[in-house]
Amino acid sequence: MNTIRTQGGPMTIRRAHAGDALALGRLAQLDSTLYSGAPALVAEVDGRLVAALPLEGSRALADPFERSAEALAMLELRRDQLARAQRSPRRAGPLRRRLRAQVSA
């Protein structure tokens, strides 16, 4: 979970959980679409979901009555960060390599 200070106040970017289902359904209804139920990231301001972005590339959801452009940009940035972290294997640092060499010797 990440909290960012914005013009509208603190915004929290986090993964959606089962307790968000009703709020996600409402958000989809406001955005004139359907929520697929796919794993998603959500942007929360003052305890309300203002935007959501499925992790697997589906269409974003946003409250048309809120300033959501900043929230959508932050959600896309976080989704890209998570995707990059999954694709790139962690490199072992020099200390880890030395420890492995000592253990295997």
C-alpha atoms as a PDB file:
ATOM      1  CA  MET A   1       0.000   0.000   0.000  1.00  0.00           C
ATOM      2  CA  ASN A   2       1.320   3.426  -0.960  1.00  0.00           C
ATOM      3  CA  THR A   3      -0.054   6.767   0.195  1.00  0.00           C
ATOM      4  CA  ILE A   4       0.588   9.871  -1.884  1.00  0.00           C
ATOM      5  CA  ARG A   5      -0.264  13.448  -1.020  1.00  0.00           C
ATOM      6  CA  THR A   6      -2.328  15.091  -3.772  1.00  0.00           C
ATOM      7  CA  GLN A   7      -4.234  18.345  -4.188  1.00  0.00           C
ATOM      8  CA  GLY A   8      -7.387  16.599  -3.000  1.00  0.00           C
ATOM      9  CA  GLY A   9      -5.661  15.129   0.066  1.00  0.00           C
ATOM     10  CA  PRO A  10      -3.867  11.850   0.695  1.00  0.00           C
ATOM     11  CA  MET A  11      -4.434   9.161  -1.929  1.00  0.00           C
ATOM     12  CA  THR A  12      -3.820   5.504  -1.148  1.00  0.00           C
ATOM     13  CA  ILE A  13      -2.857   3.091  -3.929  1.00  0.00           C
ATOM     14  CA  ARG A  14      -3.385  -0.560  -2.974  1.00  0.00           C
ATOM     15  CA  ARG A  15      -4.529  -3.926  -4.241  1.00  0.00           C
ATOM     16  CA  ALA A  16      -8.271  -4.454  -4.209  1.00  0.00           C
ATOM     17  CA  HIS A  17      -9.576  -7.062  -1.767  1.00  0.00           C
ATOM     18  CA  ALA A  18     -12.869  -8.914  -1.357  1.00  0.00           C
ATOM     19  CA  GLY A  19     -14.281  -6.124   0.820  1.00  0.00           C
ATOM     20  CA  ASP A  20     -14.006  -3.733  -2.140  1.00  0.00           C
ATOM     21  CA  ALA A  21     -16.465  -5.650  -4.343  1.00  0.00           C
ATOM     22  CA  LEU A  22     -19.442  -3.390  -3.606  1.00  0.00           C
ATOM     23  CA  ALA A  23     -17.418  -0.183  -4.064  1.00  0.00           C
ATOM     24  CA  LEU A  24     -15.923  -1.535  -7.308  1.00  0.00           C
ATOM     25  CA  GLY A  25     -19.397  -2.372  -8.591  1.00  0.00           C
ATOM     26  CA  ARG A  26     -20.558   1.159  -7.753  1.00  0.00           C
ATOM     27  CA  LEU A  27     -17.484   2.640  -9.433  1.00  0.00           C
ATOM     28  CA  ALA A  28     -18.142   0.579 -12.573  1.00  0.00           C
ATOM     29  CA  GLN A  29     -21.765   1.709 -12.578  1.00  0.00           C
ATOM     30  CA  LEU A  30     -20.711   5.381 -12.331  1.00  0.00           C
ATOM     31  CA  ASP A  31     -18.289   4.778 -15.216  1.00  0.00           C
ATOM     32  CA  SER A  32     -21.037   3.104 -17.300  1.00  0.00           C
ATOM     33  CA  THR A  33     -19.208  -0.207 -17.530  1.00  0.00           C
ATOM     34  CA  LEU A  34     -18.956  -3.568 -15.778  1.00  0.00           C
ATOM     35  CA  TYR A  35     -16.261  -4.710 -13.384  1.00  0.00           C
ATOM     36  CA  SER A  36     -14.941  -8.125 -14.381  1.00  0.00           C
ATOM     37  CA  GLY A  37     -13.866  -9.140 -10.891  1.00  0.00           C
ATOM     38  CA  ALA A  38     -10.241  -9.426 -12.033  1.00  0.00           C
ATOM     39  CA  PRO A  39      -7.465  -8.573  -9.551  1.00  0.00           C
ATOM     40  CA  ALA A  40      -7.011  -4.815  -9.541  1.00  0.00           C
ATOM     41  CA  LEU A  41      -5.280  -1.854  -7.979  1.00  0.00           C
ATOM     42  CA  VAL A  42      -7.464   0.846  -6.464  1.00  0.00           C
ATOM     43  CA  ALA A  43      -6.990   4.518  -5.648  1.00  0.00           C
ATOM     44  CA  GLU A  44      -8.682   5.646  -2.469  1.00  0.00           C
ATOM     45  CA  VAL A  45      -9.214   9.268  -1.348  1.00  0.00           C
ATOM     46  CA  ASP A  46     -10.918  10.046   1.966  1.00  0.00           C
ATOM     47  CA  GLY A  47     -11.932   6.389   2.304  1.00  0.00           C
ATOM     48  CA  ARG A  48     -13.675   6.305  -1.095  1.00  0.00           C
ATOM     49  CA  LEU A  49     -12.543   4.457  -4.200  1.00  0.00           C
ATOM     50  CA  VAL A  50     -12.114   7.002  -6.987  1.00  0.00           C
ATOM     51  CA  ALA A  51     -10.444   4.765  -9.582  1.00  0.00           C
ATOM     52  CA  ALA A  52      -9.454   1.164 -10.223  1.00  0.00           C
ATOM     53  CA  LEU A  53      -7.133  -0.486 -12.709  1.00  0.00           C
ATOM     54  CA  PRO A  54      -7.186  -4.238 -13.379  1.00  0.00           C
ATOM     55  CA  LEU A  55      -3.714  -5.780 -13.161  1.00  0.00           C
ATOM     56  CA  GLU A  56      -4.154  -7.684 -16.413  1.00  0.00           C
ATOM     57  CA  GLY A  57      -4.705  -4.798 -18.792  1.00  0.00           C
ATOM     58  CA  SER A  58      -8.495  -4.463 -18.780  1.00  0.00           C
ATOM     59  CA  ARG A  59     -10.185  -1.079 -18.939  1.00  0.00           C
ATOM     60  CA  ALA A  60      -9.706   1.307 -16.011  1.00  0.00           C
ATOM     61  CA  LEU A  61     -12.667   2.430 -13.913  1.00  0.00           C
ATOM     62  CA  ALA A  62     -13.006   5.983 -12.632  1.00  0.00           C
ATOM     63  CA  ASP A  63     -15.593   8.082 -10.856  1.00  0.00           C
ATOM     64  CA  PRO A  64     -16.610  10.729 -13.426  1.00  0.00           C
ATOM     65  CA  PHE A  65     -17.584  13.118 -10.616  1.00  0.00           C
ATOM     66  CA  GLU A  66     -14.109  13.094  -9.056  1.00  0.00           C
ATOM     67  CA  ARG A  67     -10.781  14.399 -10.288  1.00  0.00           C
ATOM     68  CA  SER A  68      -9.462  11.000 -11.262  1.00  0.00           C
ATOM     69  CA  ALA A  69      -6.783  11.708 -13.894  1.00  0.00           C
ATOM     70  CA  GLU A  70      -4.059  11.839 -11.231  1.00  0.00           C
ATOM     71  CA  ALA A  71      -5.367   8.649  -9.623  1.00  0.00           C
ATOM     72  CA  LEU A  72      -5.366   6.815 -12.963  1.00  0.00           C
ATOM     73  CA  ALA A  73      -1.812   7.965 -13.698  1.00  0.00           C
ATOM     74  CA  MET A  74      -0.638   6.713 -10.293  1.00  0.00           C
ATOM     75  CA  LEU A  75      -2.429   3.383 -10.780  1.00  0.00           C
ATOM     76  CA  GLU A  76      -0.784   2.886 -14.185  1.00  0.00           C
ATOM     77  CA  LEU A  77       2.619   3.731 -12.733  1.00  0.00           C
ATOM     78  CA  ARG A  78       2.162   1.242  -9.878  1.00  0.00           C
ATOM     79  CA  ARG A  79       0.884  -1.485 -12.232  1.00  0.00           C
ATOM     80  CA  ASP A  80       3.980  -0.986 -14.424  1.00  0.00           C
ATOM     81  CA  GLN A  81       6.255  -1.174 -11.363  1.00  0.00           C
ATOM     82  CA  LEU A  82       4.657  -4.432 -10.238  1.00  0.00           C
ATOM     83  CA  ALA A  83       4.897  -5.924 -13.744  1.00  0.00           C
ATOM     84  CA  ARG A  84       8.592  -5.005 -14.014  1.00  0.00           C
ATOM     85  CA  ALA A  85       9.319  -6.490 -10.592  1.00  0.00           C
ATOM     86  CA  GLN A  86       7.691  -9.767 -11.641  1.00  0.00           C
ATOM     87  CA  ARG A  87       9.598  -9.980 -14.932  1.00  0.00           C
ATOM     88  CA  SER A  88      13.103  -9.208 -13.703  1.00  0.00           C
ATOM     89  CA  PRO A  89      14.829 -11.727 -11.455  1.00  0.00           C
ATOM     90  CA  ARG A  90      16.493 -10.249  -8.427  1.00  0.00           C
ATOM     91  CA  ARG A  91      20.209  -9.999  -8.811  1.00  0.00           C
ATOM     92  CA  ALA A  92      22.327 -11.394  -6.043  1.00  0.00           C
ATOM     93  CA  GLY A  93      24.528  -8.759  -4.501  1.00  0.00           C
ATOM     94  CA  PRO A  94      28.258  -9.258  -3.826  1.00  0.00           C
ATOM     95  CA  LEU A  95      27.666 -10.313  -0.211  1.00  0.00           C
ATOM     96  CA  ARG A  96      25.095 -12.927  -1.209  1.00  0.00           C
ATOM     97  CA  ARG A  97      27.447 -14.345  -3.866  1.00  0.00           C
ATOM     98  CA  ARG A  98      30.279 -14.615  -1.331  1.00  0.00           C
ATOM     99  CA  LEU A  99      28.016 -16.354   1.168  1.00  0.00           C
ATOM    100  CA  ARG A 100      26.860 -18.833  -1.469  1.00  0.00           C
ATOM    101  CA  ALA A 101      30.471 -19.522  -2.451  1.00  0.00           C
ATOM    102  CA  GLN A 102      31.412 -20.201   1.176  1.00  0.00           C
ATOM    103  CA  VAL A 103      28.425 -22.462   1.785  1.00  0.00           C
ATOM    104  CA  SER A 104      29.068 -24.540  -1.328  1.00  0.00           C
ATOM    105  CA  ALA A 105      32.809 -24.853  -0.621  1.00  0.00           C
END
